[in-house]
């Protein structure tokens, strides 16, 4: 299943692959073989949107580098099937080698950053190039002009943004451009619904495609945790046990019942609830194994009935 990304005309799968695990220490996708397995599985299962960033990996840029090799191994036909998305300009996380490039939303930084990403990804174009966080030092008009140059040169097909406020989304949409932003990416899940207040209305006004990240709330909505416990090697168990302690387990047990009554796993219901929201184009979901890729892809192929969507919304109001 695919949907059109904003006004770009680009078709993306309803489930995207979040690539922030590639190059992350202690994961199965820390190295090239693990990354190859997940990317090739995504292509095999019809996941076409691959979303990374220049800061992903340990050290930063490792995700892009591993992905470049994996896509080169997959061949040019596979590269043409995927929508390769990356980001630049995260305000809080510097990338080695960017010293002296200036403000992250300004033309010199953007042009240097895109060339570096193209090299690491071993490609001649980025399908979706996204501003990772707002740059308060640079007028958004300057950012748009630089991005329009990249589109005209064929280095970028379309561009988007991430983590902007509703006011910043409207300001960006008001800039006159032959292209303009086509997407917005923000955290959105049943547990984190803050974007519904003002960001999603601004996204709809601007006719953007919306890409939720952390859709499973760090795995809490995946179905593998119950009663405050989970697998010993799971992300929350190992890295964020405080979130397990703060979770409303009674509500999650009720959610599991609602999902089962609808003939769904919790993971399937979570993705399908998000895809039922009007602004959502594709759900960005991470994976560290081909098995997780297959489960995620399958979850994006079904739809919840309206009554179940409403019941789940009320449960997590």
C-alpha atoms as a PDB file:
ATOM      1  CA  UNK A   1       0.000   0.000   0.000  1.00  0.00           C
ATOM      2  CA  UNK A   2       1.256   3.464  -0.879  1.00  0.00           C
ATOM      3  CA  UNK A   3       0.165   7.056  -0.375  1.00  0.00           C
ATOM      4  CA  UNK A   4       1.239  10.297  -2.024  1.00  0.00           C
ATOM      5  CA  UNK A   5       3.614  12.426   0.053  1.00  0.00           C
ATOM      6  CA  UNK A   6       2.039  15.866   0.337  1.00  0.00           C
ATOM      7  CA  UNK A   7       2.001  17.737  -2.973  1.00  0.00           C
ATOM      8  CA  UNK A   8       5.212  16.079  -4.227  1.00  0.00           C
ATOM      9  CA  UNK A   9       3.670  13.347  -6.349  1.00  0.00           C
ATOM     10  CA  UNK A  10       6.080  10.909  -4.675  1.00  0.00           C
ATOM     11  CA  UNK A  11       4.468   7.618  -3.639  1.00  0.00           C
ATOM     12  CA  UNK A  12       5.636   6.104  -0.354  1.00  0.00           C
ATOM     13  CA  UNK A  13       4.718   2.914   1.465  1.00  0.00           C
ATOM     14  CA  UNK A  14       2.310   3.315   4.386  1.00  0.00           C
ATOM     15  CA  UNK A  15       5.016   1.918   6.683  1.00  0.00           C
ATOM     16  CA  UNK A  16       8.472   3.449   6.417  1.00  0.00           C
ATOM     17  CA  UNK A  17      11.757   2.144   7.780  1.00  0.00           C
ATOM     18  CA  UNK A  18      13.363   4.276  10.478  1.00  0.00           C
ATOM     19  CA  UNK A  19      17.118   3.912  10.096  1.00  0.00           C
ATOM     20  CA  UNK A  20      18.352   5.406  13.366  1.00  0.00           C
ATOM     21  CA  UNK A  21      19.373   1.937  14.618  1.00  0.00           C
ATOM     22  CA  UNK A  22      21.935   1.450  11.866  1.00  0.00           C
ATOM     23  CA  UNK A  23      25.381   1.831  13.397  1.00  0.00           C
ATOM     24  CA  UNK A  24      24.005   1.935  16.936  1.00  0.00           C
ATOM     25  CA  UNK A  25      26.248   0.082  19.366  1.00  0.00           C
ATOM     26  CA  UNK A  26      24.784  -3.051  20.878  1.00  0.00           C
ATOM     27  CA  UNK A  27      22.129  -3.639  18.201  1.00  0.00           C
ATOM     28  CA  UNK A  28      21.939  -6.277  15.486  1.00  0.00           C
ATOM     29  CA  UNK A  29      22.235  -3.471  12.930  1.00  0.00           C
ATOM     30  CA  UNK A  30      25.436  -2.113  14.429  1.00  0.00           C
ATOM     31  CA  UNK A  31      27.462  -3.491  11.514  1.00  0.00           C
ATOM     32  CA  UNK A  32      27.147  -3.828   7.767  1.00  0.00           C
ATOM     33  CA  UNK A  33      25.725  -7.350   7.686  1.00  0.00           C
ATOM     34  CA  UNK A  34      22.887  -6.479  10.061  1.00  0.00           C
ATOM     35  CA  UNK A  35      22.088  -3.310   8.136  1.00  0.00           C
ATOM     36  CA  UNK A  36      22.148  -5.191   4.820  1.00  0.00           C
ATOM     37  CA  UNK A  37      19.688  -7.768   6.158  1.00  0.00           C
ATOM     38  CA  UNK A  38      17.162  -5.168   7.343  1.00  0.00           C
ATOM     39  CA  UNK A  39      17.334  -2.956   4.229  1.00  0.00           C
ATOM     40  CA  UNK A  40      17.066  -5.883   1.844  1.00  0.00           C
ATOM     41  CA  UNK A  41      14.124  -7.259   3.862  1.00  0.00           C
ATOM     42  CA  UNK A  42      12.407  -3.870   3.690  1.00  0.00           C
ATOM     43  CA  UNK A  43      12.733  -3.795  -0.093  1.00  0.00           C
ATOM     44  CA  UNK A  44      11.499  -7.400  -0.341  1.00  0.00           C
ATOM     45  CA  UNK A  45       8.420  -6.593   1.793  1.00  0.00           C
ATOM     46  CA  UNK A  46       7.452  -3.482  -0.150  1.00  0.00           C
ATOM     47  CA  UNK A  47       8.673  -0.853   2.306  1.00  0.00           C
ATOM     48  CA  UNK A  48       9.865   1.938   0.032  1.00  0.00           C
ATOM     49  CA  UNK A  49      10.410   4.864   2.439  1.00  0.00           C
ATOM     50  CA  UNK A  50      13.832   4.674   4.126  1.00  0.00           C
ATOM     51  CA  UNK A  51      14.341   7.488   6.625  1.00  0.00           C
ATOM     52  CA  UNK A  52      17.735   8.371   8.099  1.00  0.00           C
ATOM     53  CA  UNK A  53      19.738  11.457   9.148  1.00  0.00           C
ATOM     54  CA  UNK A  54      23.333  12.613   9.110  1.00  0.00           C
ATOM     55  CA  UNK A  55      23.467  12.352  12.914  1.00  0.00           C
ATOM     56  CA  UNK A  56      22.303   8.738  13.126  1.00  0.00           C
ATOM     57  CA  UNK A  57      24.756   6.060  14.174  1.00  0.00           C
ATOM     58  CA  UNK A  58      27.665   5.893  16.566  1.00  0.00           C
ATOM     59  CA  UNK A  59      29.620   7.843  15.525  1.00  0.00           C
ATOM     60  CA  UNK A  60      27.262  10.169  13.668  1.00  0.00           C
ATOM     61  CA  UNK A  61      26.981   9.560   9.905  1.00  0.00           C
ATOM     62  CA  UNK A  62      27.415   5.785  10.340  1.00  0.00           C
ATOM     63  CA  UNK A  63      23.777   5.101   9.421  1.00  0.00           C
ATOM     64  CA  UNK A  64      24.115   6.881   6.070  1.00  0.00           C
ATOM     65  CA  UNK A  65      27.414   5.136   5.352  1.00  0.00           C
ATOM     66  CA  UNK A  66      26.044   1.649   6.097  1.00  0.00           C
ATOM     67  CA  UNK A  67      22.921   2.375   4.061  1.00  0.00           C
ATOM     68  CA  UNK A  68      24.973   3.526   1.092  1.00  0.00           C
ATOM     69  CA  UNK A  69      26.813   0.214   0.996  1.00  0.00           C
ATOM     70  CA  UNK A  70      23.608  -1.808   1.503  1.00  0.00           C
ATOM     71  CA  UNK A  71      21.796  -0.020  -1.316  1.00  0.00           C
ATOM     72  CA  UNK A  72      24.789  -0.371  -3.627  1.00  0.00           C
ATOM     73  CA  UNK A  73      24.719  -4.133  -2.982  1.00  0.00           C
ATOM     74  CA  UNK A  74      20.980  -4.213  -3.700  1.00  0.00           C
ATOM     75  CA  UNK A  75      21.562  -2.680  -7.133  1.00  0.00           C
ATOM     76  CA  UNK A  76      20.260   0.254  -9.140  1.00  0.00           C
ATOM     77  CA  UNK A  77      16.787  -1.219  -9.637  1.00  0.00           C
ATOM     78  CA  UNK A  78      16.317  -1.469  -5.870  1.00  0.00           C
ATOM     79  CA  UNK A  79      17.616   2.074  -5.396  1.00  0.00           C
ATOM     80  CA  UNK A  80      15.074   3.333  -7.908  1.00  0.00           C
ATOM     81  CA  UNK A  81      12.245   1.608  -6.020  1.00  0.00           C
ATOM     82  CA  UNK A  82      12.969   3.264  -2.682  1.00  0.00           C
ATOM     83  CA  UNK A  83      12.296   6.791  -1.515  1.00  0.00           C
ATOM     84  CA  UNK A  84      15.532   7.693   0.227  1.00  0.00           C
ATOM     85  CA  UNK A  85      14.996  10.311   2.930  1.00  0.00           C
ATOM     86  CA  UNK A  86      17.612  11.901   5.129  1.00  0.00           C
ATOM     87  CA  UNK A  87      17.907  14.946   7.375  1.00  0.00           C
ATOM     88  CA  UNK A  88      20.441  17.630   8.126  1.00  0.00           C
ATOM     89  CA  UNK A  89      20.809  20.367  10.698  1.00  0.00           C
ATOM     90  CA  UNK A  90      19.953  18.932  14.111  1.00  0.00           C
ATOM     91  CA  UNK A  91      20.442  21.800  16.558  1.00  0.00           C
ATOM     92  CA  UNK A  92      21.809  19.797  19.471  1.00  0.00           C
ATOM     93  CA  UNK A  93      24.045  17.175  17.882  1.00  0.00           C
ATOM     94  CA  UNK A  94      27.114  18.288  15.913  1.00  0.00           C
ATOM     95  CA  UNK A  95      28.466  16.216  13.040  1.00  0.00           C
ATOM     96  CA  UNK A  96      32.235  15.869  12.814  1.00  0.00           C
ATOM     97  CA  UNK A  97      33.716  17.823   9.918  1.00  0.00           C
ATOM     98  CA  UNK A  98      30.993  20.492   9.803  1.00  0.00           C
ATOM     99  CA  UNK A  99      33.001  23.104  11.693  1.00  0.00           C
ATOM    100  CA  UNK A 100      33.056  26.367   9.785  1.00  0.00           C
ATOM    101  CA  UNK A 101      29.968  25.646   7.713  1.00  0.00           C
ATOM    102  CA  UNK A 102      27.964  28.300   9.554  1.00  0.00           C
ATOM    103  CA  UNK A 103      24.312  28.278  10.621  1.00  0.00           C
ATOM    104  CA  UNK A 104      22.597  24.988   9.873  1.00  0.00           C
ATOM    105  CA  UNK A 105      19.666  26.468   7.981  1.00  0.00           C
ATOM    106  CA  UNK A 106      21.834  28.705   5.803  1.00  0.00           C
ATOM    107  CA  UNK A 107      22.900  28.036   2.222  1.00  0.00           C
ATOM    108  CA  UNK A 108      26.616  27.207   2.874  1.00  0.00           C
ATOM    109  CA  UNK A 109      25.754  24.584   5.484  1.00  0.00           C
ATOM    110  CA  UNK A 110      22.977  23.041   3.377  1.00  0.00           C
ATOM    111  CA  UNK A 111      25.153  22.734   0.279  1.00  0.00           C
ATOM    112  CA  UNK A 112      28.021  21.159   2.220  1.00  0.00           C
ATOM    113  CA  UNK A 113      25.683  18.838   4.111  1.00  0.00           C
ATOM    114  CA  UNK A 114      23.867  17.539   1.052  1.00  0.00           C
ATOM    115  CA  UNK A 115      27.111  16.740  -0.753  1.00  0.00           C
ATOM    116  CA  UNK A 116      28.368  14.830   2.287  1.00  0.00           C
ATOM    117  CA  UNK A 117      25.123  12.844   2.543  1.00  0.00           C
ATOM    118  CA  UNK A 118      25.162  12.036  -1.183  1.00  0.00           C
ATOM    119  CA  UNK A 119      28.680  10.636  -0.841  1.00  0.00           C
ATOM    120  CA  UNK A 120      27.857   8.532   2.197  1.00  0.00           C
ATOM    121  CA  UNK A 121      24.628   7.238   0.674  1.00  0.00           C
ATOM    122  CA  UNK A 122      26.399   6.497  -2.640  1.00  0.00           C
ATOM    123  CA  UNK A 123      23.619   8.077  -4.661  1.00  0.00           C
ATOM    124  CA  UNK A 124      23.142  10.946  -7.099  1.00  0.00           C
ATOM    125  CA  UNK A 125      19.961  12.259  -5.492  1.00  0.00           C
ATOM    126  CA  UNK A 126      18.091  12.354  -2.194  1.00  0.00           C
ATOM    127  CA  UNK A 127      14.367  11.824  -2.631  1.00  0.00           C
ATOM    128  CA  UNK A 128      13.324  13.687   0.521  1.00  0.00           C
ATOM    129  CA  UNK A 129      15.751  16.084   2.241  1.00  0.00           C
ATOM    130  CA  UNK A 130      14.531  17.258   5.649  1.00  0.00           C
ATOM    131  CA  UNK A 131      15.499  20.063   8.016  1.00  0.00           C
ATOM    132  CA  UNK A 132      15.937  18.116  11.258  1.00  0.00           C
ATOM    133  CA  UNK A 133      15.192  20.899  13.750  1.00  0.00           C
ATOM    134  CA  UNK A 134      14.453  24.628  13.349  1.00  0.00           C
ATOM    135  CA  UNK A 135      17.366  27.029  12.928  1.00  0.00           C
ATOM    136  CA  UNK A 136      16.525  30.262  14.795  1.00  0.00           C
ATOM    137  CA  UNK A 137      19.568  32.014  13.270  1.00  0.00           C
ATOM    138  CA  UNK A 138      18.426  31.758   9.657  1.00  0.00           C
ATOM    139  CA  UNK A 139      15.273  33.158   8.022  1.00  0.00           C
ATOM    140  CA  UNK A 140      13.249  30.295   6.595  1.00  0.00           C
ATOM    141  CA  UNK A 141      13.262  32.087   3.225  1.00  0.00           C
ATOM    142  CA  UNK A 142      17.020  31.523   2.938  1.00  0.00           C
ATOM    143  CA  UNK A 143      16.612  27.843   3.720  1.00  0.00           C
ATOM    144  CA  UNK A 144      13.904  27.478   1.068  1.00  0.00           C
ATOM    145  CA  UNK A 145      15.994  29.263  -1.586  1.00  0.00           C
ATOM    146  CA  UNK A 146      18.936  26.920  -0.946  1.00  0.00           C
ATOM    147  CA  UNK A 147      16.693  23.871  -1.110  1.00  0.00           C
ATOM    148  CA  UNK A 148      15.103  25.099  -4.342  1.00  0.00           C
ATOM    149  CA  UNK A 149      18.594  25.274  -5.864  1.00  0.00           C
ATOM    150  CA  UNK A 150      19.169  21.627  -4.956  1.00  0.00           C
ATOM    151  CA  UNK A 151      15.866  20.617  -6.559  1.00  0.00           C
ATOM    152  CA  UNK A 152      16.752  22.550  -9.730  1.00  0.00           C
ATOM    153  CA  UNK A 153      20.134  20.791  -9.849  1.00  0.00           C
ATOM    154  CA  UNK A 154      18.551  17.350  -9.439  1.00  0.00           C
ATOM    155  CA  UNK A 155      20.333  16.604  -6.165  1.00  0.00           C
ATOM    156  CA  UNK A 156      17.069  16.617  -4.199  1.00  0.00           C
ATOM    157  CA  UNK A 157      13.628  15.586  -5.447  1.00  0.00           C
ATOM    158  CA  UNK A 158      11.587  17.171  -2.643  1.00  0.00           C
ATOM    159  CA  UNK A 159      12.173  18.627   0.798  1.00  0.00           C
ATOM    160  CA  UNK A 160      10.501  18.540   4.174  1.00  0.00           C
ATOM    161  CA  UNK A 161      11.007  19.518   7.802  1.00  0.00           C
ATOM    162  CA  UNK A 162      10.935  17.929  11.241  1.00  0.00           C
ATOM    163  CA  UNK A 163      10.127  19.129  14.760  1.00  0.00           C
ATOM    164  CA  UNK A 164       8.740  22.529  13.725  1.00  0.00           C
ATOM    165  CA  UNK A 165       6.030  24.242  15.754  1.00  0.00           C
ATOM    166  CA  UNK A 166       2.661  25.037  14.194  1.00  0.00           C
ATOM    167  CA  UNK A 167       3.669  28.699  13.804  1.00  0.00           C
ATOM    168  CA  UNK A 168       6.938  27.690  12.122  1.00  0.00           C
ATOM    169  CA  UNK A 169       5.085  25.314   9.772  1.00  0.00           C
ATOM    170  CA  UNK A 170       2.767  28.140   8.706  1.00  0.00           C
ATOM    171  CA  UNK A 171       5.690  30.523   8.268  1.00  0.00           C
ATOM    172  CA  UNK A 172       7.518  27.983   6.093  1.00  0.00           C
ATOM    173  CA  UNK A 173       4.407  27.311   4.015  1.00  0.00           C
ATOM    174  CA  UNK A 174       3.996  31.033   3.327  1.00  0.00           C
ATOM    175  CA  UNK A 175       7.355  31.345   1.536  1.00  0.00           C
ATOM    176  CA  UNK A 176       6.859  31.679  -2.216  1.00  0.00           C
ATOM    177  CA  UNK A 177       8.638  28.834  -3.968  1.00  0.00           C
ATOM    178  CA  UNK A 178       8.324  26.673  -7.090  1.00  0.00           C
ATOM    179  CA  UNK A 179       8.586  23.669  -4.770  1.00  0.00           C
ATOM    180  CA  UNK A 180       7.967  24.316  -1.078  1.00  0.00           C
ATOM    181  CA  UNK A 181       8.026  21.887   1.829  1.00  0.00           C
ATOM    182  CA  UNK A 182       6.068  18.681   1.187  1.00  0.00           C
ATOM    183  CA  UNK A 183       6.318  16.873   4.537  1.00  0.00           C
ATOM    184  CA  UNK A 184       6.536  17.226   8.294  1.00  0.00           C
ATOM    185  CA  UNK A 185       7.994  14.662  10.683  1.00  0.00           C
ATOM    186  CA  UNK A 186       7.218  14.744  14.405  1.00  0.00           C
ATOM    187  CA  UNK A 187       6.767  12.395  17.333  1.00  0.00           C
ATOM    188  CA  UNK A 188       3.248  10.975  17.373  1.00  0.00           C
ATOM    189  CA  UNK A 189       1.795   7.916  19.046  1.00  0.00           C
ATOM    190  CA  UNK A 190      -1.186   6.936  21.158  1.00  0.00           C
ATOM    191  CA  UNK A 191       0.860   7.904  24.213  1.00  0.00           C
ATOM    192  CA  UNK A 192       2.274  11.138  22.744  1.00  0.00           C
ATOM    193  CA  UNK A 193      -0.605  12.995  21.048  1.00  0.00           C
ATOM    194  CA  UNK A 194       0.497  16.592  21.583  1.00  0.00           C
ATOM    195  CA  UNK A 195       0.740  17.285  17.835  1.00  0.00           C
ATOM    196  CA  UNK A 196      -3.032  16.945  17.545  1.00  0.00           C
ATOM    197  CA  UNK A 197      -3.526  20.288  19.291  1.00  0.00           C
ATOM    198  CA  UNK A 198      -1.886  22.562  16.733  1.00  0.00           C
ATOM    199  CA  UNK A 199       0.785  20.869  14.602  1.00  0.00           C
ATOM    200  CA  UNK A 200      -1.540  18.525  12.704  1.00  0.00           C
ATOM    201  CA  UNK A 201      -4.029  21.313  11.852  1.00  0.00           C
ATOM    202  CA  UNK A 202      -1.099  23.355  10.469  1.00  0.00           C
ATOM    203  CA  UNK A 203       0.105  20.307   8.508  1.00  0.00           C
ATOM    204  CA  UNK A 204      -3.324  19.889   6.934  1.00  0.00           C
ATOM    205  CA  UNK A 205      -3.546  23.586   6.080  1.00  0.00           C
ATOM    206  CA  UNK A 206      -0.170  23.417   4.352  1.00  0.00           C
ATOM    207  CA  UNK A 207      -1.114  20.170   2.526  1.00  0.00           C
ATOM    208  CA  UNK A 208       1.943  18.381   3.899  1.00  0.00           C
ATOM    209  CA  UNK A 209       2.442  14.670   4.246  1.00  0.00           C
ATOM    210  CA  UNK A 210       2.848  13.805   7.915  1.00  0.00           C
ATOM    211  CA  UNK A 211       5.400  11.195   9.037  1.00  0.00           C
ATOM    212  CA  UNK A 212       5.108  10.129  12.702  1.00  0.00           C
ATOM    213  CA  UNK A 213       8.245   8.925  14.429  1.00  0.00           C
ATOM    214  CA  UNK A 214       8.399   6.877  17.659  1.00  0.00           C
ATOM    215  CA  UNK A 215       4.963   5.423  16.736  1.00  0.00           C
ATOM    216  CA  UNK A 216       5.383   2.557  19.190  1.00  0.00           C
ATOM    217  CA  UNK A 217       6.395   4.875  22.066  1.00  0.00           C
ATOM    218  CA  UNK A 218       9.829   3.257  22.493  1.00  0.00           C
ATOM    219  CA  UNK A 219       8.226  -0.173  22.137  1.00  0.00           C
ATOM    220  CA  UNK A 220       5.520   0.192  24.806  1.00  0.00           C
ATOM    221  CA  UNK A 221       2.836  -0.250  22.132  1.00  0.00           C
ATOM    222  CA  UNK A 222       4.520  -3.176  20.403  1.00  0.00           C
ATOM    223  CA  UNK A 223       2.894  -5.839  22.581  1.00  0.00           C
ATOM    224  CA  UNK A 224       6.146  -7.238  23.932  1.00  0.00           C
ATOM    225  CA  UNK A 225       5.833  -5.550  27.347  1.00  0.00           C
ATOM    226  CA  UNK A 226       3.295  -6.396  30.037  1.00  0.00           C
ATOM    227  CA  UNK A 227       2.948  -5.735  33.726  1.00  0.00           C
ATOM    228  CA  UNK A 228       6.081  -3.635  33.864  1.00  0.00           C
ATOM    229  CA  UNK A 229       8.405  -6.177  32.279  1.00  0.00           C
ATOM    230  CA  UNK A 230       9.705  -7.060  28.838  1.00  0.00           C
ATOM    231  CA  UNK A 231      12.450  -9.048  27.126  1.00  0.00           C
ATOM    232  CA  UNK A 232      15.835  -8.603  28.791  1.00  0.00           C
ATOM    233  CA  UNK A 233      17.398  -7.339  25.569  1.00  0.00           C
ATOM    234  CA  UNK A 234      14.541  -4.968  24.703  1.00  0.00           C
ATOM    235  CA  UNK A 235      15.292  -1.273  24.371  1.00  0.00           C
ATOM    236  CA  UNK A 236      13.229  -0.041  27.330  1.00  0.00           C
ATOM    237  CA  UNK A 237      14.361  -2.834  29.615  1.00  0.00           C
ATOM    238  CA  UNK A 238      17.993  -2.055  28.928  1.00  0.00           C
ATOM    239  CA  UNK A 239      18.021   1.713  28.401  1.00  0.00           C
ATOM    240  CA  UNK A 240      14.865   3.328  29.809  1.00  0.00           C
ATOM    241  CA  UNK A 241      13.535   1.257  32.722  1.00  0.00           C
ATOM    242  CA  UNK A 242      12.046   4.423  34.249  1.00  0.00           C
ATOM    243  CA  UNK A 243       9.453   4.517  31.452  1.00  0.00           C
ATOM    244  CA  UNK A 244       8.330   1.024  32.382  1.00  0.00           C
ATOM    245  CA  UNK A 245       7.831   2.192  35.950  1.00  0.00           C
ATOM    246  CA  UNK A 246       5.730   5.175  34.806  1.00  0.00           C
ATOM    247  CA  UNK A 247       3.458   3.264  32.413  1.00  0.00           C
ATOM    248  CA  UNK A 248      -0.276   2.786  33.009  1.00  0.00           C
ATOM    249  CA  UNK A 249      -0.312  -1.005  32.608  1.00  0.00           C
ATOM    250  CA  UNK A 250      -4.038  -1.317  33.217  1.00  0.00           C
ATOM    251  CA  UNK A 251      -4.681   0.906  30.212  1.00  0.00           C
ATOM    252  CA  UNK A 252      -2.280  -1.123  28.071  1.00  0.00           C
ATOM    253  CA  UNK A 253      -4.037  -4.344  29.109  1.00  0.00           C
ATOM    254  CA  UNK A 254      -7.353  -2.796  28.065  1.00  0.00           C
ATOM    255  CA  UNK A 255      -5.792  -1.713  24.779  1.00  0.00           C
ATOM    256  CA  UNK A 256      -4.594  -5.264  24.165  1.00  0.00           C
ATOM    257  CA  UNK A 257      -8.172  -6.477  24.690  1.00  0.00           C
ATOM    258  CA  UNK A 258      -9.558  -3.896  22.230  1.00  0.00           C
ATOM    259  CA  UNK A 259      -6.953  -4.898  19.646  1.00  0.00           C
ATOM    260  CA  UNK A 260      -7.686  -8.619  20.073  1.00  0.00           C
ATOM    261  CA  UNK A 261     -11.443  -7.990  19.798  1.00  0.00           C
ATOM    262  CA  UNK A 262     -10.699  -6.334  16.452  1.00  0.00           C
ATOM    263  CA  UNK A 263      -8.626  -9.323  15.356  1.00  0.00           C
ATOM    264  CA  UNK A 264      -5.355  -7.429  15.633  1.00  0.00           C
ATOM    265  CA  UNK A 265      -2.149  -7.576  17.581  1.00  0.00           C
ATOM    266  CA  UNK A 266      -1.290  -4.476  19.568  1.00  0.00           C
ATOM    267  CA  UNK A 267       1.402  -3.596  17.019  1.00  0.00           C
ATOM    268  CA  UNK A 268      -1.052  -3.880  14.109  1.00  0.00           C
ATOM    269  CA  UNK A 269      -3.678  -1.808  15.897  1.00  0.00           C
ATOM    270  CA  UNK A 270      -1.118   0.886  16.743  1.00  0.00           C
ATOM    271  CA  UNK A 271       0.051   1.351  13.164  1.00  0.00           C
ATOM    272  CA  UNK A 272      -3.466   1.122  11.740  1.00  0.00           C
ATOM    273  CA  UNK A 273      -4.798   3.683  14.235  1.00  0.00           C
ATOM    274  CA  UNK A 274      -2.093   6.126  13.115  1.00  0.00           C
ATOM    275  CA  UNK A 275      -2.815   5.461   9.438  1.00  0.00           C
ATOM    276  CA  UNK A 276      -6.484   6.237  10.096  1.00  0.00           C
ATOM    277  CA  UNK A 277      -5.564   9.787  11.128  1.00  0.00           C
ATOM    278  CA  UNK A 278      -6.251  12.195   8.284  1.00  0.00           C
ATOM    279  CA  UNK A 279      -2.852  13.886   8.124  1.00  0.00           C
ATOM    280  CA  UNK A 280      -0.710  10.738   8.300  1.00  0.00           C
ATOM    281  CA  UNK A 281       0.957   9.532   5.100  1.00  0.00           C
ATOM    282  CA  UNK A 282       3.450   6.937   6.330  1.00  0.00           C
ATOM    283  CA  UNK A 283       4.497   5.666   9.757  1.00  0.00           C
ATOM    284  CA  UNK A 284       8.261   5.617  10.425  1.00  0.00           C
ATOM    285  CA  UNK A 285       9.090   2.390  12.271  1.00  0.00           C
ATOM    286  CA  UNK A 286      12.545   1.195  13.266  1.00  0.00           C
ATOM    287  CA  UNK A 287      13.673  -2.415  12.988  1.00  0.00           C
ATOM    288  CA  UNK A 288      16.802  -4.375  13.820  1.00  0.00           C
ATOM    289  CA  UNK A 289      15.885  -7.702  12.189  1.00  0.00           C
ATOM    290  CA  UNK A 290      14.183  -8.939   9.014  1.00  0.00           C
ATOM    291  CA  UNK A 291      11.463 -10.476  11.202  1.00  0.00           C
ATOM    292  CA  UNK A 292      10.562  -7.057  12.633  1.00  0.00           C
ATOM    293  CA  UNK A 293      10.525  -5.611   9.127  1.00  0.00           C
ATOM    294  CA  UNK A 294       8.051  -8.281   8.009  1.00  0.00           C
ATOM    295  CA  UNK A 295       5.773  -7.655  11.001  1.00  0.00           C
ATOM    296  CA  UNK A 296       5.810  -3.892  10.454  1.00  0.00           C
ATOM    297  CA  UNK A 297       5.107  -4.197   6.743  1.00  0.00           C
ATOM    298  CA  UNK A 298       2.193  -6.572   7.343  1.00  0.00           C
ATOM    299  CA  UNK A 299       0.707  -4.218   9.945  1.00  0.00           C
ATOM    300  CA  UNK A 300       0.459  -1.461   7.359  1.00  0.00           C
ATOM    301  CA  UNK A 301      -1.686  -3.503   4.993  1.00  0.00           C
ATOM    302  CA  UNK A 302      -4.876  -3.566   7.060  1.00  0.00           C
ATOM    303  CA  UNK A 303      -7.420  -0.990   8.217  1.00  0.00           C
ATOM    304  CA  UNK A 304      -9.337  -0.608  11.456  1.00  0.00           C
ATOM    305  CA  UNK A 305     -13.069   0.023  11.337  1.00  0.00           C
ATOM    306  CA  UNK A 306     -14.203   3.484  12.430  1.00  0.00           C
ATOM    307  CA  UNK A 307     -15.702   2.245  15.716  1.00  0.00           C
ATOM    308  CA  UNK A 308     -12.420   0.636  16.790  1.00  0.00           C
ATOM    309  CA  UNK A 309     -10.454   3.766  15.850  1.00  0.00           C
ATOM    310  CA  UNK A 310     -12.820   5.815  18.018  1.00  0.00           C
ATOM    311  CA  UNK A 311     -12.608   3.355  20.920  1.00  0.00           C
ATOM    312  CA  UNK A 312      -8.806   3.407  20.867  1.00  0.00           C
ATOM    313  CA  UNK A 313      -8.765   7.207  20.642  1.00  0.00           C
ATOM    314  CA  UNK A 314     -11.008   7.460  23.692  1.00  0.00           C
ATOM    315  CA  UNK A 315      -8.884   4.987  25.655  1.00  0.00           C
ATOM    316  CA  UNK A 316      -5.800   7.162  25.117  1.00  0.00           C
ATOM    317  CA  UNK A 317      -7.569  10.535  25.238  1.00  0.00           C
END
